[in-house]
Structure formats: C-alpha cells, structure tokens
PDB file of N, CA and C in Angstrom:
ATOM      1  N   MET A   1      54.115  60.587  66.348  1.00  0.00           N
ATOM      2  CA  MET A   1      53.986  61.794  67.426  1.00  0.00           C
ATOM      3  C   MET A   1      54.686  61.713  68.030  1.00  0.00           C
ATOM      4  N   ASN A   2      55.401  63.043  68.614  1.00  0.00           N
ATOM      5  CA  ASN A   2      56.329  63.561  69.447  1.00  0.00           C
ATOM      6  C   ASN A   2      55.746  63.454  70.863  1.00  0.00           C
ATOM      7  N   THR A   3      55.876  62.883  72.063  1.00  0.00           N
ATOM      8  CA  THR A   3      55.599  63.156  73.255  1.00  0.00           C
ATOM      9  C   THR A   3      56.495  64.057  74.040  1.00  0.00           C
ATOM     10  N   LYS A   4      55.730  64.285  75.065  1.00  0.00           N
ATOM     11  CA  LYS A   4      56.482  65.534  75.719  1.00  0.00           C
ATOM     12  C   LYS A   4      57.853  64.903  76.406  1.00  0.00           C
ATOM     13  N   GLU A   5      57.622  63.801  76.686  1.00  0.00           N
ATOM     14  CA  GLU A   5      58.952  63.057  77.624  1.00  0.00           C
ATOM     15  C   GLU A   5      60.080  62.464  76.376  1.00  0.00           C
ATOM     16  N   SER A   6      59.613  62.309  75.120  1.00  0.00           N
ATOM     17  CA  SER A   6      60.656  62.080  74.172  1.00  0.00           C
ATOM     18  C   SER A   6      61.235  63.723  73.562  1.00  0.00           C
ATOM     19  N   LEU A   7      60.620  64.541  73.534  1.00  0.00           N
ATOM     20  CA  LEU A   7      60.955  65.675  73.238  1.00  0.00           C
ATOM     21  C   LEU A   7      61.825  66.311  74.252  1.00  0.00           C
ATOM     22  N   LYS A   8      61.475  66.067  75.479  1.00  0.00           N
ATOM     23  CA  LYS A   8      62.412  66.631  77.070  1.00  0.00           C
ATOM     24  C   LYS A   8      64.077  65.646  76.919  1.00  0.00           C
ATOM     25  N   ASN A   9      63.713  64.584  76.503  1.00  0.00           N
ATOM     26  CA  ASN A   9      64.782  63.643  76.236  1.00  0.00           C
ATOM     27  C   ASN A   9      65.604  63.976  75.086  1.00  0.00           C
ATOM     28  N   LEU A  10      65.108  64.724  74.155  1.00  0.00           N
ATOM     29  CA  LEU A  10      66.243  64.832  72.959  1.00  0.00           C
ATOM     30  C   LEU A  10      66.702  66.186  73.159  1.00  0.00           C
ATOM     31  N   PHE A  11      65.815  67.541  73.579  1.00  0.00           N
ATOM     32  CA  PHE A  11      66.455  68.689  74.388  1.00  0.00           C
ATOM     33  C   PHE A  11      67.270  68.690  75.406  1.00  0.00           C
ATOM     34  N   ALA A  12      67.629  67.457  76.197  1.00  0.00           N
ATOM     35  CA  ALA A  12      68.642  67.201  77.230  1.00  0.00           C
ATOM     36  C   ALA A  12      69.672  67.044  76.744  1.00  0.00           C
ATOM     37  N   GLN A  13      69.582  66.339  75.460  1.00  0.00           N
ATOM     38  CA  GLN A  13      70.983  65.955  74.777  1.00  0.00           C
ATOM     39  C   GLN A  13      71.515  66.782  73.718  1.00  0.00           C
ATOM     40  N   HIS A  14      70.743  67.373  73.037  1.00  0.00           N
ATOM     41  CA  HIS A  14      71.232  68.244  71.940  1.00  0.00           C
ATOM     42  C   HIS A  14      70.326  70.038  72.031  1.00  0.00           C
ATOM     43  N   VAL A  15      71.223  70.803  71.232  1.00  0.00           N
ATOM     44  CA  VAL A  15      70.744  71.610  70.647  1.00  0.00           C
ATOM     45  C   VAL A  15      69.933  71.507  69.556  1.00  0.00           C
ATOM     46  N   VAL A  16      68.534  72.028  69.644  1.00  0.00           N
ATOM     47  CA  VAL A  16      67.380  71.758  68.493  1.00  0.00           C
ATOM     48  C   VAL A  16      66.805  73.026  67.722  1.00  0.00           C
ATOM     49  N   ASN A  17      67.100  73.062  66.607  1.00  0.00           N
ATOM     50  CA  ASN A  17      66.517  74.008  65.893  1.00  0.00           C
ATOM     51  C   ASN A  17      64.875  73.872  65.612  1.00  0.00           C
ATOM     52  N   ILE A  18      63.804  74.422  66.183  1.00  0.00           N
ATOM     53  CA  ILE A  18      62.275  73.897  65.940  1.00  0.00           C
ATOM     54  C   ILE A  18      61.577  75.164  65.206  1.00  0.00           C
ATOM     55  N   THR A  19      60.545  74.604  64.810  1.00  0.00           N
ATOM     56  CA  THR A  19      59.551  75.441  64.460  1.00  0.00           C
ATOM     57  C   THR A  19      58.270  74.835  64.519  1.00  0.00           C
ATOM     58  N   PHE A  20      57.643  76.129  65.363  1.00  0.00           N
ATOM     59  CA  PHE A  20      56.562  76.125  65.935  1.00  0.00           C
ATOM     60  C   PHE A  20      55.200  76.397  65.488  1.00  0.00           C
ATOM     61  N   LYS A  21      53.899  76.382  65.750  1.00  0.00           N
ATOM     62  CA  LYS A  21      52.929  77.410  65.587  1.00  0.00           C
ATOM     63  C   LYS A  21      52.470  77.987  66.640  1.00  0.00           C
ATOM     64  N   LYS A  22      52.483  79.399  66.741  1.00  0.00           N
ATOM     65  CA  LYS A  22      52.053  79.949  68.283  1.00  0.00           C
ATOM     66  C   LYS A  22      50.504  80.086  68.165  1.00  0.00           C
ATOM     67  N   ILE A  23      49.801  80.696  69.711  1.00  0.00           N
ATOM     68  CA  ILE A  23      48.364  80.396  69.385  1.00  0.00           C
ATOM     69  C   ILE A  23      47.583  81.525  68.559  1.00  0.00           C
ATOM     70  N   ASN A  24      48.665  82.538  68.177  1.00  0.00           N
ATOM     71  CA  ASN A  24      47.813  83.396  66.942  1.00  0.00           C
ATOM     72  C   ASN A  24      48.295  82.810  65.708  1.00  0.00           C
ATOM     73  N   ASN A  25      48.623  81.622  65.503  1.00  0.00           N
ATOM     74  CA  ASN A  25      49.001  80.824  64.240  1.00  0.00           C
ATOM     75  C   ASN A  25      50.173  81.359  63.288  1.00  0.00           C
ATOM     76  N   GLU A  26      51.065  82.460  63.974  1.00  0.00           N
ATOM     77  CA  GLU A  26      52.148  82.782  63.072  1.00  0.00           C
ATOM     78  C   GLU A  26      53.300  81.394  63.622  1.00  0.00           C
ATOM     79  N   GLU A  27      54.096  81.361  62.629  1.00  0.00           N
ATOM     80  CA  GLU A  27      55.117  80.249  62.756  1.00  0.00           C
ATOM     81  C   GLU A  27      56.175  80.920  63.515  1.00  0.00           C
ATOM     82  N   ARG A  28      56.787  80.119  64.683  1.00  0.00           N
ATOM     83  CA  ARG A  28      58.236  80.829  65.168  1.00  0.00           C
ATOM     84  C   ARG A  28      59.207  79.691  64.819  1.00  0.00           C
ATOM     85  N   LYS A  29      60.401  80.409  65.004  1.00  0.00           N
ATOM     86  CA  LYS A  29      61.827  79.458  64.879  1.00  0.00           C
ATOM     87  C   LYS A  29      62.192  79.951  66.219  1.00  0.00           C
ATOM     88  N   MET A  30      62.994  78.560  66.437  1.00  0.00           N
ATOM     89  CA  MET A  30      64.056  78.669  67.784  1.00  0.00           C
ATOM     90  C   MET A  30      64.541  77.821  68.110  1.00  0.00           C
ATOM     91  N   ILE A  31      65.967  78.117  68.158  1.00  0.00           N
ATOM     92  CA  ILE A  31      67.181  77.419  68.596  1.00  0.00           C
ATOM     93  C   ILE A  31      67.113  76.931  70.144  1.00  0.00           C
ATOM     94  N   CYS A  32      67.140  75.958  70.497  1.00  0.00           N
ATOM     95  CA  CYS A  32      66.684  75.917  71.975  1.00  0.00           C
ATOM     96  C   CYS A  32      67.270  74.575  72.621  1.00  0.00           C
ATOM     97  N   THR A  33      67.273  74.666  73.729  1.00  0.00           N
ATOM     98  CA  THR A  33      68.294  73.269  74.382  1.00  0.00           C
ATOM     99  C   THR A  33      67.594  73.100  75.861  1.00  0.00           C
ATOM    100  N   LEU A  34      67.968  71.806  76.235  1.00  0.00           N
ATOM    101  CA  LEU A  34      67.707  71.713  77.970  1.00  0.00           C
ATOM    102  C   LEU A  34      68.977  70.848  78.280  1.00  0.00           C
ATOM    103  N   LYS A  35      69.957  71.219  77.398  1.00  0.00           N
ATOM    104  CA  LYS A  35      71.469  70.413  77.998  1.00  0.00           C
ATOM    105  C   LYS A  35      71.906  71.286  79.321  1.00  0.00           C
ATOM    106  N   PRO A  36      72.278  70.361  80.259  1.00  0.00           N
ATOM    107  CA  PRO A  36      72.651  71.346  81.656  1.00  0.00           C
ATOM    108  C   PRO A  36      73.832  71.972  81.365  1.00  0.00           C
ATOM    109  N   ASP A  37      74.371  71.635  80.550  1.00  0.00           N
ATOM    110  CA  ASP A  37      75.590  72.593  80.532  1.00  0.00           C
ATOM    111  C   ASP A  37      75.572  73.770  79.795  1.00  0.00           C
ATOM    112  N   LEU A  38      74.482  73.895  79.181  1.00  0.00           N
ATOM    113  CA  LEU A  38      73.952  75.502  78.117  1.00  0.00           C
ATOM    114  C   LEU A  38      73.204  76.130  79.059  1.00  0.00           C
ATOM    115  N   LEU A  39      72.514  75.308  80.300  1.00  0.00           N
ATOM    116  CA  LEU A  39      71.263  76.108  80.815  1.00  0.00           C
ATOM    117  C   LEU A  39      72.007  77.075  82.009  1.00  0.00           C
ATOM    118  N   PRO A  40      71.547  77.933  82.090  1.00  0.00           N
ATOM    119  CA  PRO A  40      71.889  79.304  83.205  1.00  0.00           C
ATOM    120  C   PRO A  40      71.735  78.545  84.369  1.00  0.00           C
ATOM    121  N   ALA A  41      72.911  78.962  85.422  1.00  0.00           N
ATOM    122  CA  ALA A  41      72.723  78.612  86.606  1.00  0.00           C
ATOM    123  C   ALA A  41      71.692  79.426  87.413  1.00  0.00           C
ATOM    124  N   GLN A  42      71.025  78.605  87.936  1.00  0.00           N
ATOM    125  CA  GLN A  42      69.503  79.214  88.867  1.00  0.00           C
ATOM    126  C   GLN A  42      69.990  79.196  90.255  1.00  0.00           C
ATOM    127  N   GLU A  43      69.480  80.430  90.889  1.00  0.00           N
ATOM    128  CA  GLU A  43      69.234  80.348  92.110  1.00  0.00           C
ATOM    129  C   GLU A  43      68.221  79.536  92.812  1.00  0.00           C
ATOM    130  N   LYS A  44      68.235  78.942  93.877  1.00  0.00           N
ATOM    131  CA  LYS A  44      67.436  78.368  94.639  1.00  0.00           C
ATOM    132  C   LYS A  44      66.458  79.279  95.244  1.00  0.00           C
ATOM    133  N   LYS A  45      65.123  78.740  94.694  1.00  0.00           N
ATOM    134  CA  LYS A  45      64.189  79.683  95.080  1.00  0.00           C
ATOM    135  C   LYS A  45      62.961  79.025  95.575  1.00  0.00           C
ATOM    136  N   GLU A  46      62.367  79.601  96.702  1.00  0.00           N
ATOM    137  CA  GLU A  46      61.228  79.023  97.329  1.00  0.00           C
ATOM    138  C   GLU A  46      60.115  79.351  96.631  1.00  0.00           C
ATOM    139  N   GLN A  47      59.243  78.343  96.392  1.00  0.00           N
ATOM    140  CA  GLN A  47      57.915  78.015  96.148  1.00  0.00           C
ATOM    141  C   GLN A  47      57.092  77.849  97.116  1.00  0.00           C
ATOM    142  N   THR A  48      56.017  78.750  97.117  1.00  0.00           N
ATOM    143  CA  THR A  48      55.028  78.644  98.050  1.00  0.00           C
ATOM    144  C   THR A  48      53.829  77.891  97.355  1.00  0.00           C
ATOM    145  N   LYS A  49      53.592  78.183  96.268  1.00  0.00           N
ATOM    146  CA  LYS A  49      52.709  77.496  95.545  1.00  0.00           C
ATOM    147  C   LYS A  49      53.209  77.026  94.616  1.00  0.00           C
ATOM    148  N   LYS A  50      53.077  75.684  94.029  1.00  0.00           N
ATOM    149  CA  LYS A  50      53.680  75.127  92.939  1.00  0.00           C
ATOM    150  C   LYS A  50      52.547  74.869  91.858  1.00  0.00           C
ATOM    151  N   LYS A  51      52.622  75.579  90.816  1.00  0.00           N
ATOM    152  CA  LYS A  51      51.530  75.285  89.586  1.00  0.00           C
ATOM    153  C   LYS A  51      51.561  73.723  89.123  1.00  0.00           C
ATOM    154  N   PRO A  52      50.468  73.016  88.738  1.00  0.00           N
ATOM    155  CA  PRO A  52      50.403  71.705  87.866  1.00  0.00           C
ATOM    156  C   PRO A  52      51.146  71.785  86.703  1.00  0.00           C
ATOM    157  N   GLU A  53      51.776  70.918  86.776  1.00  0.00           N
ATOM    158  CA  GLU A  53      52.584  70.926  85.181  1.00  0.00           C
ATOM    159  C   GLU A  53      51.418  70.406  83.987  1.00  0.00           C
ATOM    160  N   ASN A  54      51.589  71.471  82.878  1.00  0.00           N
ATOM    161  CA  ASN A  54      50.607  71.159  81.871  1.00  0.00           C
ATOM    162  C   ASN A  54      51.433  70.165  80.875  1.00  0.00           C
ATOM    163  N   ASP A  55      50.708  68.906  80.670  1.00  0.00           N
ATOM    164  CA  ASP A  55      51.408  67.785  79.621  1.00  0.00           C
ATOM    165  C   ASP A  55      51.600  68.211  78.186  1.00  0.00           C
ATOM    166  N   ASN A  56      51.133  69.308  77.846  1.00  0.00           N
ATOM    167  CA  ASN A  56      51.399  69.536  76.733  1.00  0.00           C
ATOM    168  C   ASN A  56      52.530  70.698  76.465  1.00  0.00           C
ATOM    169  N   ILE A  57      52.800  71.475  77.553  1.00  0.00           N
ATOM    170  CA  ILE A  57      53.521  72.602  77.200  1.00  0.00           C
ATOM    171  C   ILE A  57      55.038  72.015  77.708  1.00  0.00           C
ATOM    172  N   LEU A  58      55.926  72.797  76.710  1.00  0.00           N
ATOM    173  CA  LEU A  58      57.596  72.136  76.865  1.00  0.00           C
ATOM    174  C   LEU A  58      58.287  73.435  77.245  1.00  0.00           C
ATOM    175  N   PRO A  59      59.072  73.666  78.677  1.00  0.00           N
ATOM    176  CA  PRO A  59      59.653  74.637  78.691  1.00  0.00           C
ATOM    177  C   PRO A  59      61.001  74.472  78.007  1.00  0.00           C
ATOM    178  N   VAL A  60      61.833  75.115  77.284  1.00  0.00           N
ATOM    179  CA  VAL A  60      62.864  75.046  77.146  1.00  0.00           C
ATOM    180  C   VAL A  60      64.031  76.430  77.128  1.00  0.00           C
ATOM    181  N   TRP A  61      65.394  76.388  76.893  1.00  0.00           N
ATOM    182  CA  TRP A  61      65.783  77.519  77.064  1.00  0.00           C
ATOM    183  C   TRP A  61      66.514  77.926  75.204  1.00  0.00           C
ATOM    184  N   ASP A  62      65.810  79.076  75.128  1.00  0.00           N
ATOM    185  CA  ASP A  62      66.118  79.791  73.989  1.00  0.00           C
ATOM    186  C   ASP A  62      67.498  80.388  73.769  1.00  0.00           C
ATOM    187  N   LEU A  63      68.370  79.829  73.039  1.00  0.00           N
ATOM    188  CA  LEU A  63      69.861  79.926  73.032  1.00  0.00           C
ATOM    189  C   LEU A  63      70.119  81.879  72.316  1.00  0.00           C
ATOM    190  N   GLU A  64      68.942  81.919  71.454  1.00  0.00           N
ATOM    191  CA  GLU A  64      69.227  83.278  70.770  1.00  0.00           C
ATOM    192  C   GLU A  64      68.484  84.420  71.939  1.00  0.00           C
ATOM    193  N   GLN A  65      67.513  84.327  72.672  1.00  0.00           N
ATOM    194  CA  GLN A  65      66.983  85.205  73.481  1.00  0.00           C
ATOM    195  C   GLN A  65      67.718  85.105  74.616  1.00  0.00           C
ATOM    196  N   LYS A  66      68.373  84.000  75.016  1.00  0.00           N
ATOM    197  CA  LYS A  66      69.153  83.905  76.338  1.00  0.00           C
ATOM    198  C   LYS A  66      67.877  84.041  77.644  1.00  0.00           C
ATOM    199  N   ALA A  67      66.682  83.035  77.108  1.00  0.00           N
ATOM    200  CA  ALA A  67      65.511  82.670  78.624  1.00  0.00           C
ATOM    201  C   ALA A  67      64.868  81.862  78.077  1.00  0.00           C
ATOM    202  N   PHE A  68      64.144  81.161  79.274  1.00  0.00           N
ATOM    203  CA  PHE A  68      63.154  80.305  78.997  1.00  0.00           C
ATOM    204  C   PHE A  68      62.120  80.560  78.314  1.00  0.00           C
ATOM    205  N   ARG A  69      61.506  80.083  77.166  1.00  0.00           N
ATOM    206  CA  ARG A  69      60.543  79.867  76.384  1.00  0.00           C
ATOM    207  C   ARG A  69      59.676  78.566  76.562  1.00  0.00           C
ATOM    208  N   SER A  70      58.269  78.815  75.949  1.00  0.00           N
ATOM    209  CA  SER A  70      57.715  77.514  76.120  1.00  0.00           C
ATOM    210  C   SER A  70      56.826  77.518  74.786  1.00  0.00           C
ATOM    211  N   PHE A  71      56.811  76.151  74.338  1.00  0.00           N
ATOM    212  CA  PHE A  71      55.552  75.801  73.425  1.00  0.00           C
ATOM    213  C   PHE A  71      54.656  74.776  73.565  1.00  0.00           C
ATOM    214  N   ARG A  72      53.854  74.568  73.109  1.00  0.00           N
ATOM    215  CA  ARG A  72      53.012  73.281  73.005  1.00  0.00           C
ATOM    216  C   ARG A  72      53.417  72.305  72.099  1.00  0.00           C
ATOM    217  N   VAL A  73      53.645  71.161  72.587  1.00  0.00           N
ATOM    218  CA  VAL A  73      53.988  69.919  72.026  1.00  0.00           C
ATOM    219  C   VAL A  73      53.284  69.771  70.476  1.00  0.00           C
ATOM    220  N   ASP A  74      51.934  69.883  70.701  1.00  0.00           N
ATOM    221  CA  ASP A  74      51.347  69.642  69.445  1.00  0.00           C
ATOM    222  C   ASP A  74      51.392  70.885  68.477  1.00  0.00           C
ATOM    223  N   SER A  75      51.797  71.952  69.002  1.00  0.00           N
ATOM    224  CA  SER A  75      51.994  72.707  67.699  1.00  0.00           C
ATOM    225  C   SER A  75      53.505  72.790  67.098  1.00  0.00           C
ATOM    226  N   LEU A  76      54.200  71.817  67.521  1.00  0.00           N
ATOM    227  CA  LEU A  76      55.568  71.360  66.622  1.00  0.00           C
ATOM    228  C   LEU A  76      55.105  70.918  65.491  1.00  0.00           C
ATOM    229  N   ILE A  77      55.941  71.870  64.251  1.00  0.00           N
ATOM    230  CA  ILE A  77      55.684  71.750  62.885  1.00  0.00           C
ATOM    231  C   ILE A  77      57.186  70.733  62.559  1.00  0.00           C
ATOM    232  N   ASN A  78      58.025  71.253  63.107  1.00  0.00           N
ATOM    233  CA  ASN A  78      59.076  70.539  62.660  1.00  0.00           C
ATOM    234  C   ASN A  78      60.474  70.742  63.588  1.00  0.00           C
ATOM    235  N   TYR A  79      61.488  70.051  63.690  1.00  0.00           N
ATOM    236  CA  TYR A  79      62.745  70.150  64.482  1.00  0.00           C
ATOM    237  C   TYR A  79      63.748  69.253  63.716  1.00  0.00           C
ATOM    238  N   SER A  80      64.991  69.859  63.869  1.00  0.00           N
ATOM    239  CA  SER A  80      66.312  69.245  63.458  1.00  0.00           C
ATOM    240  C   SER A  80      67.358  69.269  64.387  1.00  0.00           C
ATOM    241  N   VAL A  81      68.289  68.482  64.842  1.00  0.00           N
ATOM    242  CA  VAL A  81      69.319  68.593  65.745  1.00  0.00           C
ATOM    243  C   VAL A  81      70.127  69.307  65.226  1.00  0.00           C
ATOM    244  N   VAL A  82      70.888  70.628  66.011  1.00  0.00           N
ATOM    245  CA  VAL A  82      71.679  71.364  65.320  1.00  0.00           C
ATOM    246  C   VAL A  82      73.082  70.834  65.650  1.00  0.00           C
ATOM    247  N   GLU A  83      73.398  70.878  67.201  1.00  0.00           N
ATOM    248  CA  GLU A  83      74.497  69.954  67.655  1.00  0.00           C
ATOM    249  C   GLU A  83      74.194  68.994  68.648  1.00  0.00           C
ATOM    250  N   ASP A  84      75.595  68.249  68.695  1.00  0.00           N
ATOM    251  CA  ASP A  84      75.276  67.098  70.160  1.00  0.00           C
ATOM    252  C   ASP A  84      75.739  67.953  71.336  1.00  0.00           C
TER     253      ASP A  84
END
C-alpha cells in the first residue's frame, strides 16, 4: 500500500504517469510531478486561514494541464516512473 508520504517522495524525485479513480468513478490518467525544477515559480501569498491538510489527498503538478491537481491516495490504481 502506498502512503501519502512515500508517494510525495516519489513525485519529488520523478515525473510519474498515474491512473486513479475520480469521485464519479471515472478513471483519469495524469502525468505529474513535484520535482522542484519543474514546478512553477510561486508568488509569496499571505494566508489568513490555513486549511488543515487532508492526509489522503495529494496535490501534484499536472504537466499536461500546467496546473496543480489533486487525487486521493486511496484511489490510485497504478503508476509508473516516466523520467528521473
């Protein structure tokens, strides 16, 4: 079983092709990463209220949509490393 922390470490080092099941039961494929050199430059934003982090949801950078997307860790069907 994959944990959020193990997946976060994987995405931080690689580009990964994932398949997961959306809430409406559709399967979705996504090429994503958390590699710092592939993430967009972010402006510093002041956060007045910080939402509590959900231990089952992992935000990742979708390389095709060029936007952050999230998926539920327990909905992950499979994944493969595309590049280091």
